[in-house]
Amino acid sequence: MNKLYRWAIGSVLSKPAPERVPRTGEKAVEVDCYVMYIRAKDDSWNILAESIDSTGVKGRQWSYDSYTEESHVDFEDINKANIEITHFYKTYDIQYFSLNDYLLKGVLPYYQLTIQFNKTAQVFYNRKELTRSERMTTLELILEKTIDDREFGVTVYGLSSLLHSQRWYYHPDRKRNTNYNELLLESLVESGDLEKDNDVYRLSRHALVSLSQHEQDDRKHKETLSQSKAMTKLTFALIFVGLIQAYITFTKG
């Protein structure tokens, strides 16, 4: 690994995140710290990086439902791995998915654009109805994973990682998020879309029916919106034509 990449890792790990990162209130405004995850491309290991030495990176490896086991990864292995960096900056979470990404966007003044984008995205996100879309989004995600692996199953903790990346682990509401995901998975079991085997949830055949119906409903909704917009435009056009005709009649009379 070249010196620039080592410097980048050292720069990130020089501002380690605490066990709980404030994301709201006055304390959140003072936050400026990082979390770095390094994961093998074949998912054989996954560590939360904590410090750097002359040969590699020390950290804690994922085990069951938390990062607990002490581990060390050589620079040679890091070169072949996937890297995810999260910068907790005030109330914002800014992510980088490689060292090059961090060097280009984290070192250079990229924050302003990212923060503005997040603000705009949040405005649109807040307008969305979450209940149905989250159920279907979760089901579609599990379907895609099942297509790749017919034996695919997901736990409550695994769903958190799939939906939110590994950022959820440091989120102050991670317990509430985990409870919600459990209710979400159980609701999909109740509707017949998932099957539960101990703590593992797997796709059922009925899920395809639900997803197909959701696509039809979504398509009808979009068609209705399109027709509504067309009628609105037509109405304004007729009003405009009527005003012109009235003006012509008035000037001639």
C-alpha atoms as a PDB file:
ATOM      1  CA  MET A   1       0.000   0.000   0.000  1.00  0.00           C
ATOM      2  CA  ASN A   2       1.403   3.395  -0.975  1.00  0.00           C
ATOM      3  CA  LYS A   3       2.135   6.198   1.489  1.00  0.00           C
ATOM      4  CA  LEU A   4      -0.813   8.308   0.359  1.00  0.00           C
ATOM      5  CA  TYR A   5      -3.304   5.557   1.205  1.00  0.00           C
ATOM      6  CA  ARG A   6      -1.611   4.952   4.552  1.00  0.00           C
ATOM      7  CA  TRP A   7      -1.834   8.654   5.281  1.00  0.00           C
ATOM      8  CA  ALA A   8      -5.539   8.610   4.398  1.00  0.00           C
ATOM      9  CA  ILE A   9      -6.189   5.705   6.789  1.00  0.00           C
ATOM     10  CA  GLY A  10      -4.206   7.425   9.531  1.00  0.00           C
ATOM     11  CA  SER A  11      -6.127  10.654   8.960  1.00  0.00           C
ATOM     12  CA  VAL A  12      -9.466   8.886   9.345  1.00  0.00           C
ATOM     13  CA  LEU A  13      -8.436   6.883  12.413  1.00  0.00           C
ATOM     14  CA  SER A  14      -7.026   9.987  14.118  1.00  0.00           C
ATOM     15  CA  LYS A  15     -10.627  11.047  14.788  1.00  0.00           C
ATOM     16  CA  PRO A  16     -12.316   7.845  16.022  1.00  0.00           C
ATOM     17  CA  ALA A  17     -16.029   7.847  16.752  1.00  0.00           C
ATOM     18  CA  PRO A  18     -17.173   7.172  20.325  1.00  0.00           C
ATOM     19  CA  GLU A  19     -19.349   4.170  21.152  1.00  0.00           C
ATOM     20  CA  ARG A  20     -22.429   6.363  20.760  1.00  0.00           C
ATOM     21  CA  VAL A  21     -22.401   9.262  18.319  1.00  0.00           C
ATOM     22  CA  PRO A  22     -24.877  12.087  19.109  1.00  0.00           C
ATOM     23  CA  ARG A  23     -26.950  12.848  16.019  1.00  0.00           C
ATOM     24  CA  THR A  24     -29.428  15.304  17.490  1.00  0.00           C
ATOM     25  CA  GLY A  25     -29.336  18.208  19.922  1.00  0.00           C
ATOM     26  CA  GLU A  26     -26.510  20.531  20.916  1.00  0.00           C
ATOM     27  CA  LYS A  27     -23.929  17.751  21.263  1.00  0.00           C
ATOM     28  CA  ALA A  28     -24.452  16.695  17.642  1.00  0.00           C
ATOM     29  CA  VAL A  29     -23.372  20.128  16.379  1.00  0.00           C
ATOM     30  CA  GLU A  30     -19.903  19.540  17.888  1.00  0.00           C
ATOM     31  CA  VAL A  31     -19.412  16.089  16.332  1.00  0.00           C
ATOM     32  CA  ASP A  32     -16.465  15.559  13.958  1.00  0.00           C
ATOM     33  CA  CYS A  33     -15.335  11.927  13.889  1.00  0.00           C
ATOM     34  CA  TYR A  34     -14.987   8.899  11.626  1.00  0.00           C
ATOM     35  CA  VAL A  35     -15.833   5.212  11.440  1.00  0.00           C
ATOM     36  CA  MET A  36     -13.996   2.929   9.015  1.00  0.00           C
ATOM     37  CA  TYR A  37     -15.097  -0.579   8.048  1.00  0.00           C
ATOM     38  CA  ILE A  38     -12.833  -2.896   6.058  1.00  0.00           C
ATOM     39  CA  ARG A  39     -14.472  -5.966   4.533  1.00  0.00           C
ATOM     40  CA  ALA A  40     -13.076  -8.808   2.443  1.00  0.00           C
ATOM     41  CA  LYS A  41     -14.589  -8.984  -1.033  1.00  0.00           C
ATOM     42  CA  ASP A  42     -15.753 -12.547  -0.306  1.00  0.00           C
ATOM     43  CA  ASP A  43     -17.182 -11.439   3.090  1.00  0.00           C
ATOM     44  CA  SER A  44     -14.876 -13.858   4.921  1.00  0.00           C
ATOM     45  CA  TRP A  45     -13.969 -11.125   7.409  1.00  0.00           C
ATOM     46  CA  ASN A  46     -15.235  -7.703   8.351  1.00  0.00           C
ATOM     47  CA  ILE A  47     -13.562  -5.361  10.840  1.00  0.00           C
ATOM     48  CA  LEU A  48     -14.235  -2.030  12.477  1.00  0.00           C
ATOM     49  CA  ALA A  49     -10.857  -0.276  12.125  1.00  0.00           C
ATOM     50  CA  GLU A  50      -9.401   1.337  15.248  1.00  0.00           C
ATOM     51  CA  SER A  51      -5.688   2.045  14.730  1.00  0.00           C
ATOM     52  CA  ILE A  52      -2.881   1.795  12.190  1.00  0.00           C
ATOM     53  CA  ASP A  53       0.650   0.449  12.613  1.00  0.00           C
ATOM     54  CA  SER A  54       3.625  -0.195  10.339  1.00  0.00           C
ATOM     55  CA  THR A  55       2.160  -3.407   8.877  1.00  0.00           C
ATOM     56  CA  GLY A  56      -1.577  -2.851   8.746  1.00  0.00           C
ATOM     57  CA  VAL A  57      -4.718  -1.943  10.653  1.00  0.00           C
ATOM     58  CA  LYS A  58      -5.955  -3.146  14.020  1.00  0.00           C
ATOM     59  CA  GLY A  59      -9.629  -3.361  14.818  1.00  0.00           C
ATOM     60  CA  ARG A  60     -12.542  -5.477  15.966  1.00  0.00           C
ATOM     61  CA  GLN A  61     -14.026  -8.204  13.796  1.00  0.00           C
ATOM     62  CA  TRP A  62     -17.754  -8.746  13.387  1.00  0.00           C
ATOM     63  CA  SER A  63     -19.015 -11.725  15.376  1.00  0.00           C
ATOM     64  CA  TYR A  64     -22.682 -12.671  15.659  1.00  0.00           C
ATOM     65  CA  ASP A  65     -24.322  -9.293  16.334  1.00  0.00           C
ATOM     66  CA  SER A  66     -21.460  -6.920  17.233  1.00  0.00           C
ATOM     67  CA  TYR A  67     -17.809  -6.026  16.633  1.00  0.00           C
ATOM     68  CA  THR A  68     -16.032  -7.774  19.507  1.00  0.00           C
ATOM     69  CA  GLU A  69     -13.081  -9.931  18.404  1.00  0.00           C
ATOM     70  CA  GLU A  70      -9.707  -8.172  18.176  1.00  0.00           C
ATOM     71  CA  SER A  71      -8.164  -8.494  14.725  1.00  0.00           C
ATOM     72  CA  HIS A  72      -5.320  -7.236  12.531  1.00  0.00           C
ATOM     73  CA  VAL A  73      -5.353  -6.866   8.736  1.00  0.00           C
ATOM     74  CA  ASP A  74      -2.188  -6.420   6.672  1.00  0.00           C
ATOM     75  CA  PHE A  75      -1.918  -3.615   4.123  1.00  0.00           C
ATOM     76  CA  GLU A  76      -1.687  -6.217   1.353  1.00  0.00           C
ATOM     77  CA  ASP A  77      -5.123  -7.577   2.304  1.00  0.00           C
ATOM     78  CA  ILE A  78      -6.559  -4.072   2.704  1.00  0.00           C
ATOM     79  CA  ASN A  79      -5.562  -3.317  -0.902  1.00  0.00           C
ATOM     80  CA  LYS A  80      -7.869  -6.148  -1.998  1.00  0.00           C
ATOM     81  CA  ALA A  81     -10.738  -5.303   0.381  1.00  0.00           C
ATOM     82  CA  ASN A  82     -13.809  -3.086   0.319  1.00  0.00           C
ATOM     83  CA  ILE A  83     -13.603   0.036   2.466  1.00  0.00           C
ATOM     84  CA  GLU A  84     -16.477   2.062   3.856  1.00  0.00           C
ATOM     85  CA  ILE A  85     -15.793   5.314   5.715  1.00  0.00           C
ATOM     86  CA  THR A  86     -18.449   7.376   7.465  1.00  0.00           C
ATOM     87  CA  HIS A  87     -17.682  10.925   8.573  1.00  0.00           C
ATOM     88  CA  PHE A  88     -20.018  12.051  11.333  1.00  0.00           C
ATOM     89  CA  TYR A  89     -19.826  15.818  10.792  1.00  0.00           C
ATOM     90  CA  LYS A  90     -22.155  17.811  13.014  1.00  0.00           C
ATOM     91  CA  THR A  91     -25.619  16.398  12.240  1.00  0.00           C
ATOM     92  CA  TYR A  92     -24.581  14.933   8.876  1.00  0.00           C
ATOM     93  CA  ASP A  93     -23.329  11.483   7.918  1.00  0.00           C
ATOM     94  CA  ILE A  94     -21.033  11.596   4.884  1.00  0.00           C
ATOM     95  CA  GLN A  95     -19.916   8.298   3.360  1.00  0.00           C
ATOM     96  CA  TYR A  96     -16.915   7.294   1.260  1.00  0.00           C
ATOM     97  CA  PHE A  97     -16.640   3.865  -0.320  1.00  0.00           C
ATOM     98  CA  SER A  98     -12.917   3.742  -1.068  1.00  0.00           C
ATOM     99  CA  LEU A  99      -9.709   5.506  -0.110  1.00  0.00           C
ATOM    100  CA  ASN A 100      -9.723   7.278  -3.482  1.00  0.00           C
ATOM    101  CA  ASP A 101     -13.241   8.479  -2.752  1.00  0.00           C
ATOM    102  CA  TYR A 102     -12.100   9.862   0.602  1.00  0.00           C
ATOM    103  CA  LEU A 103      -9.028  11.558  -0.877  1.00  0.00           C
ATOM    104  CA  LEU A 104     -11.075  13.223  -3.625  1.00  0.00           C
ATOM    105  CA  LYS A 105     -14.102  14.238  -1.570  1.00  0.00           C
ATOM    106  CA  GLY A 106     -13.079  14.144   2.074  1.00  0.00           C
ATOM    107  CA  VAL A 107      -9.807  16.030   1.824  1.00  0.00           C
ATOM    108  CA  LEU A 108     -11.018  18.550  -0.775  1.00  0.00           C
ATOM    109  CA  PRO A 109     -13.858  21.006   0.142  1.00  0.00           C
ATOM    110  CA  TYR A 110     -16.711  18.697  -0.826  1.00  0.00           C
ATOM    111  CA  TYR A 111     -18.824  19.028   2.321  1.00  0.00           C
ATOM    112  CA  GLN A 112     -20.912  22.020   1.302  1.00  0.00           C
ATOM    113  CA  LEU A 113     -22.338  20.320  -1.793  1.00  0.00           C
ATOM    114  CA  THR A 114     -22.895  17.048   0.031  1.00  0.00           C
ATOM    115  CA  ILE A 115     -24.668  18.726   2.935  1.00  0.00           C
ATOM    116  CA  GLN A 116     -26.877  20.749   0.594  1.00  0.00           C
ATOM    117  CA  PHE A 117     -27.730  17.611  -1.346  1.00  0.00           C
ATOM    118  CA  ASN A 118     -28.630  15.803   1.883  1.00  0.00           C
ATOM    119  CA  LYS A 119     -30.900  18.685   2.907  1.00  0.00           C
ATOM    120  CA  THR A 120     -32.722  18.574  -0.426  1.00  0.00           C
ATOM    121  CA  ALA A 121     -32.995  14.785  -0.354  1.00  0.00           C
ATOM    122  CA  GLN A 122     -34.364  14.907   3.191  1.00  0.00           C
ATOM    123  CA  VAL A 123     -37.107  17.337   2.151  1.00  0.00           C
ATOM    124  CA  PHE A 124     -38.349  14.899  -0.508  1.00  0.00           C
ATOM    125  CA  TYR A 125     -37.850  11.911   1.796  1.00  0.00           C
ATOM    126  CA  ASN A 126     -40.022  13.499   4.489  1.00  0.00           C
ATOM    127  CA  ARG A 127     -42.908  13.746   2.024  1.00  0.00           C
ATOM    128  CA  LYS A 128     -42.963  10.021   1.319  1.00  0.00           C
ATOM    129  CA  GLU A 129     -45.433   7.563   2.769  1.00  0.00           C
ATOM    130  CA  LEU A 130     -43.246   5.012   4.503  1.00  0.00           C
ATOM    131  CA  THR A 131     -45.439   2.143   5.667  1.00  0.00           C
ATOM    132  CA  ARG A 132     -46.191   0.396   2.372  1.00  0.00           C
ATOM    133  CA  SER A 133     -43.065   1.402   0.487  1.00  0.00           C
ATOM    134  CA  GLU A 134     -40.768   0.142   3.246  1.00  0.00           C
ATOM    135  CA  ARG A 135     -42.510  -3.225   3.297  1.00  0.00           C
ATOM    136  CA  MET A 136     -42.245  -3.584  -0.457  1.00  0.00           C
ATOM    137  CA  THR A 137     -38.683  -2.251  -0.556  1.00  0.00           C
ATOM    138  CA  THR A 138     -37.662  -4.832   2.035  1.00  0.00           C
ATOM    139  CA  LEU A 139     -39.441  -7.589   0.150  1.00  0.00           C
ATOM    140  CA  GLU A 140     -37.836  -6.592  -3.166  1.00  0.00           C
ATOM    141  CA  LEU A 141     -34.405  -6.555  -1.527  1.00  0.00           C
ATOM    142  CA  ILE A 142     -34.878 -10.030  -0.071  1.00  0.00           C
ATOM    143  CA  LEU A 143     -36.173 -11.236  -3.459  1.00  0.00           C
ATOM    144  CA  GLU A 144     -33.035  -9.987  -5.243  1.00  0.00           C
ATOM    145  CA  LYS A 145     -30.824 -11.698  -2.676  1.00  0.00           C
ATOM    146  CA  THR A 146     -32.840 -14.908  -2.999  1.00  0.00           C
ATOM    147  CA  ILE A 147     -32.482 -14.866  -6.794  1.00  0.00           C
ATOM    148  CA  ASP A 148     -28.706 -14.798  -6.290  1.00  0.00           C
ATOM    149  CA  ASP A 149     -28.823 -17.453  -3.554  1.00  0.00           C
ATOM    150  CA  ARG A 150     -31.854 -19.734  -3.212  1.00  0.00           C
ATOM    151  CA  GLU A 151     -30.889 -20.477   0.410  1.00  0.00           C
ATOM    152  CA  PHE A 152     -30.691 -16.801   1.368  1.00  0.00           C
ATOM    153  CA  GLY A 153     -32.092 -15.871   4.739  1.00  0.00           C
ATOM    154  CA  VAL A 154     -31.879 -12.704   6.781  1.00  0.00           C
ATOM    155  CA  THR A 155     -31.934 -11.923  10.496  1.00  0.00           C
ATOM    156  CA  VAL A 156     -33.163  -8.732  12.126  1.00  0.00           C
ATOM    157  CA  TYR A 157     -29.583  -7.468  12.466  1.00  0.00           C
ATOM    158  CA  GLY A 158     -28.769  -8.531   8.912  1.00  0.00           C
ATOM    159  CA  LEU A 159     -31.720  -6.539   7.589  1.00  0.00           C
ATOM    160  CA  SER A 160     -30.411  -3.404   9.310  1.00  0.00           C
ATOM    161  CA  SER A 161     -27.102  -3.785   7.477  1.00  0.00           C
ATOM    162  CA  LEU A 162     -28.830  -4.440   4.135  1.00  0.00           C
ATOM    163  CA  LEU A 163     -31.138  -1.434   4.412  1.00  0.00           C
ATOM    164  CA  HIS A 164     -28.875   1.131   6.021  1.00  0.00           C
ATOM    165  CA  SER A 165     -25.304  -0.167   5.516  1.00  0.00           C
ATOM    166  CA  GLN A 166     -23.250  -0.575   8.673  1.00  0.00           C
ATOM    167  CA  ARG A 167     -23.932   2.996   9.804  1.00  0.00           C
ATOM    168  CA  TRP A 168     -26.897   1.765  11.828  1.00  0.00           C
ATOM    169  CA  TYR A 169     -24.547   0.187  14.374  1.00  0.00           C
ATOM    170  CA  TYR A 170     -23.504   3.625  15.663  1.00  0.00           C
ATOM    171  CA  HIS A 171     -26.914   5.227  15.351  1.00  0.00           C
ATOM    172  CA  PRO A 172     -28.361   6.383  18.706  1.00  0.00           C
ATOM    173  CA  ASP A 173     -31.720   4.842  17.747  1.00  0.00           C
ATOM    174  CA  ARG A 174     -30.293   1.501  16.689  1.00  0.00           C
ATOM    175  CA  LYS A 175     -32.340  -0.364  19.326  1.00  0.00           C
ATOM    176  CA  ARG A 176     -35.568   1.244  18.117  1.00  0.00           C
ATOM    177  CA  ASN A 177     -34.501   0.555  14.528  1.00  0.00           C
ATOM    178  CA  THR A 178     -33.878  -3.102  15.360  1.00  0.00           C
ATOM    179  CA  ASN A 179     -37.266  -3.387  17.059  1.00  0.00           C
ATOM    180  CA  TYR A 180     -38.942  -1.814  14.031  1.00  0.00           C
ATOM    181  CA  ASN A 181     -37.204  -4.201  11.633  1.00  0.00           C
ATOM    182  CA  GLU A 182     -38.335  -7.137  13.733  1.00  0.00           C
ATOM    183  CA  LEU A 183     -41.936  -5.914  13.545  1.00  0.00           C
ATOM    184  CA  LEU A 184     -41.512  -5.370   9.802  1.00  0.00           C
ATOM    185  CA  LEU A 185     -40.247  -8.911   9.227  1.00  0.00           C
ATOM    186  CA  GLU A 186     -42.949 -10.381  11.462  1.00  0.00           C
ATOM    187  CA  SER A 187     -45.622  -8.475   9.519  1.00  0.00           C
ATOM    188  CA  LEU A 188     -44.286  -9.985   6.291  1.00  0.00           C
ATOM    189  CA  VAL A 189     -44.510 -13.412   7.922  1.00  0.00           C
ATOM    190  CA  GLU A 190     -48.122 -12.691   8.935  1.00  0.00           C
ATOM    191  CA  SER A 191     -49.000 -11.664   5.365  1.00  0.00           C
ATOM    192  CA  GLY A 192     -47.444 -14.870   4.037  1.00  0.00           C
ATOM    193  CA  ASP A 193     -44.612 -13.140   2.169  1.00  0.00           C
ATOM    194  CA  LEU A 194     -41.850 -14.516   4.397  1.00  0.00           C
ATOM    195  CA  GLU A 195     -41.294 -17.767   6.251  1.00  0.00           C
ATOM    196  CA  LYS A 196     -39.543 -17.833   9.628  1.00  0.00           C
ATOM    197  CA  ASP A 197     -37.115 -20.556  10.692  1.00  0.00           C
ATOM    198  CA  ASN A 198     -35.875 -19.798  14.219  1.00  0.00           C
ATOM    199  CA  ASP A 199     -34.431 -16.267  13.831  1.00  0.00           C
ATOM    200  CA  VAL A 200     -33.939 -16.464  10.053  1.00  0.00           C
ATOM    201  CA  TYR A 201     -36.495 -15.090   7.597  1.00  0.00           C
ATOM    202  CA  ARG A 202     -36.772 -16.478   4.054  1.00  0.00           C
ATOM    203  CA  LEU A 203     -38.852 -15.562   1.032  1.00  0.00           C
ATOM    204  CA  SER A 204     -42.089 -17.453   0.371  1.00  0.00           C
ATOM    205  CA  ARG A 205     -43.753 -17.977  -3.002  1.00  0.00           C
ATOM    206  CA  HIS A 206     -46.591 -15.655  -2.008  1.00  0.00           C
ATOM    207  CA  ALA A 207     -44.118 -12.750  -2.042  1.00  0.00           C
ATOM    208  CA  LEU A 208     -44.151 -12.747  -5.851  1.00  0.00           C
ATOM    209  CA  VAL A 209     -47.918 -12.222  -5.814  1.00  0.00           C
ATOM    210  CA  SER A 210     -47.598  -9.305  -3.389  1.00  0.00           C
ATOM    211  CA  LEU A 211     -44.831  -7.662  -5.398  1.00  0.00           C
ATOM    212  CA  SER A 212     -46.766  -8.079  -8.643  1.00  0.00           C
ATOM    213  CA  GLN A 213     -49.845  -6.474  -7.075  1.00  0.00           C
ATOM    214  CA  HIS A 214     -47.707  -3.640  -5.696  1.00  0.00           C
ATOM    215  CA  GLU A 215     -46.263  -2.968  -9.164  1.00  0.00           C
ATOM    216  CA  GLN A 216     -49.761  -2.865 -10.670  1.00  0.00           C
ATOM    217  CA  ASP A 217     -51.006  -0.480  -7.966  1.00  0.00           C
ATOM    218  CA  ASP A 218     -47.945   1.725  -8.404  1.00  0.00           C
ATOM    219  CA  ARG A 219     -48.418   1.809 -12.188  1.00  0.00           C
ATOM    220  CA  LYS A 220     -52.111   2.727 -11.806  1.00  0.00           C
ATOM    221  CA  HIS A 221     -51.170   5.464  -9.348  1.00  0.00           C
ATOM    222  CA  LYS A 222     -48.655   6.931 -11.794  1.00  0.00           C
ATOM    223  CA  GLU A 223     -51.178   6.749 -14.630  1.00  0.00           C
ATOM    224  CA  THR A 224     -53.738   8.564 -12.474  1.00  0.00           C
ATOM    225  CA  LEU A 225     -51.224  11.285 -11.644  1.00  0.00           C
ATOM    226  CA  SER A 226     -50.303  11.620 -15.315  1.00  0.00           C
ATOM    227  CA  GLN A 227     -53.951  11.930 -16.337  1.00  0.00           C
ATOM    228  CA  SER A 228     -54.550  14.453 -13.572  1.00  0.00           C
ATOM    229  CA  LYS A 229     -51.638  16.594 -14.764  1.00  0.00           C
ATOM    230  CA  ALA A 230     -52.867  16.372 -18.359  1.00  0.00           C
ATOM    231  CA  MET A 231     -56.373  17.457 -17.327  1.00  0.00           C
ATOM    232  CA  THR A 232     -54.922  20.362 -15.342  1.00  0.00           C
ATOM    233  CA  LYS A 233     -52.919  21.540 -18.356  1.00  0.00           C
ATOM    234  CA  LEU A 234     -55.962  21.161 -20.615  1.00  0.00           C
ATOM    235  CA  THR A 235     -58.113  23.151 -18.185  1.00  0.00           C
ATOM    236  CA  PHE A 236     -55.614  26.019 -18.104  1.00  0.00           C
ATOM    237  CA  ALA A 237     -55.354  25.910 -21.906  1.00  0.00           C
ATOM    238  CA  LEU A 238     -59.149  26.167 -22.267  1.00  0.00           C
ATOM    239  CA  ILE A 239     -59.256  29.028 -19.769  1.00  0.00           C
ATOM    240  CA  PHE A 240     -56.517  30.807 -21.705  1.00  0.00           C
ATOM    241  CA  VAL A 241     -58.362  30.329 -25.017  1.00  0.00           C
ATOM    242  CA  GLY A 242     -61.567  31.530 -23.390  1.00  0.00           C
ATOM    243  CA  LEU A 243     -59.860  34.679 -22.120  1.00  0.00           C
ATOM    244  CA  ILE A 244     -58.494  35.411 -25.598  1.00  0.00           C
ATOM    245  CA  GLN A 245     -61.933  34.948 -27.163  1.00  0.00           C
ATOM    246  CA  ALA A 246     -63.485  37.185 -24.519  1.00  0.00           C
ATOM    247  CA  TYR A 247     -60.846  39.839 -25.164  1.00  0.00           C
ATOM    248  CA  ILE A 248     -61.450  39.715 -28.941  1.00  0.00           C
ATOM    249  CA  THR A 249     -65.208  39.965 -28.437  1.00  0.00           C
ATOM    250  CA  PHE A 250     -64.759  42.880 -26.041  1.00  0.00           C
ATOM    251  CA  THR A 251     -62.464  44.855 -28.394  1.00  0.00           C
ATOM    252  CA  LYS A 252     -64.795  44.337 -31.373  1.00  0.00           C
ATOM    253  CA  GLY A 253     -67.868  45.238 -29.425  1.00  0.00           C
END
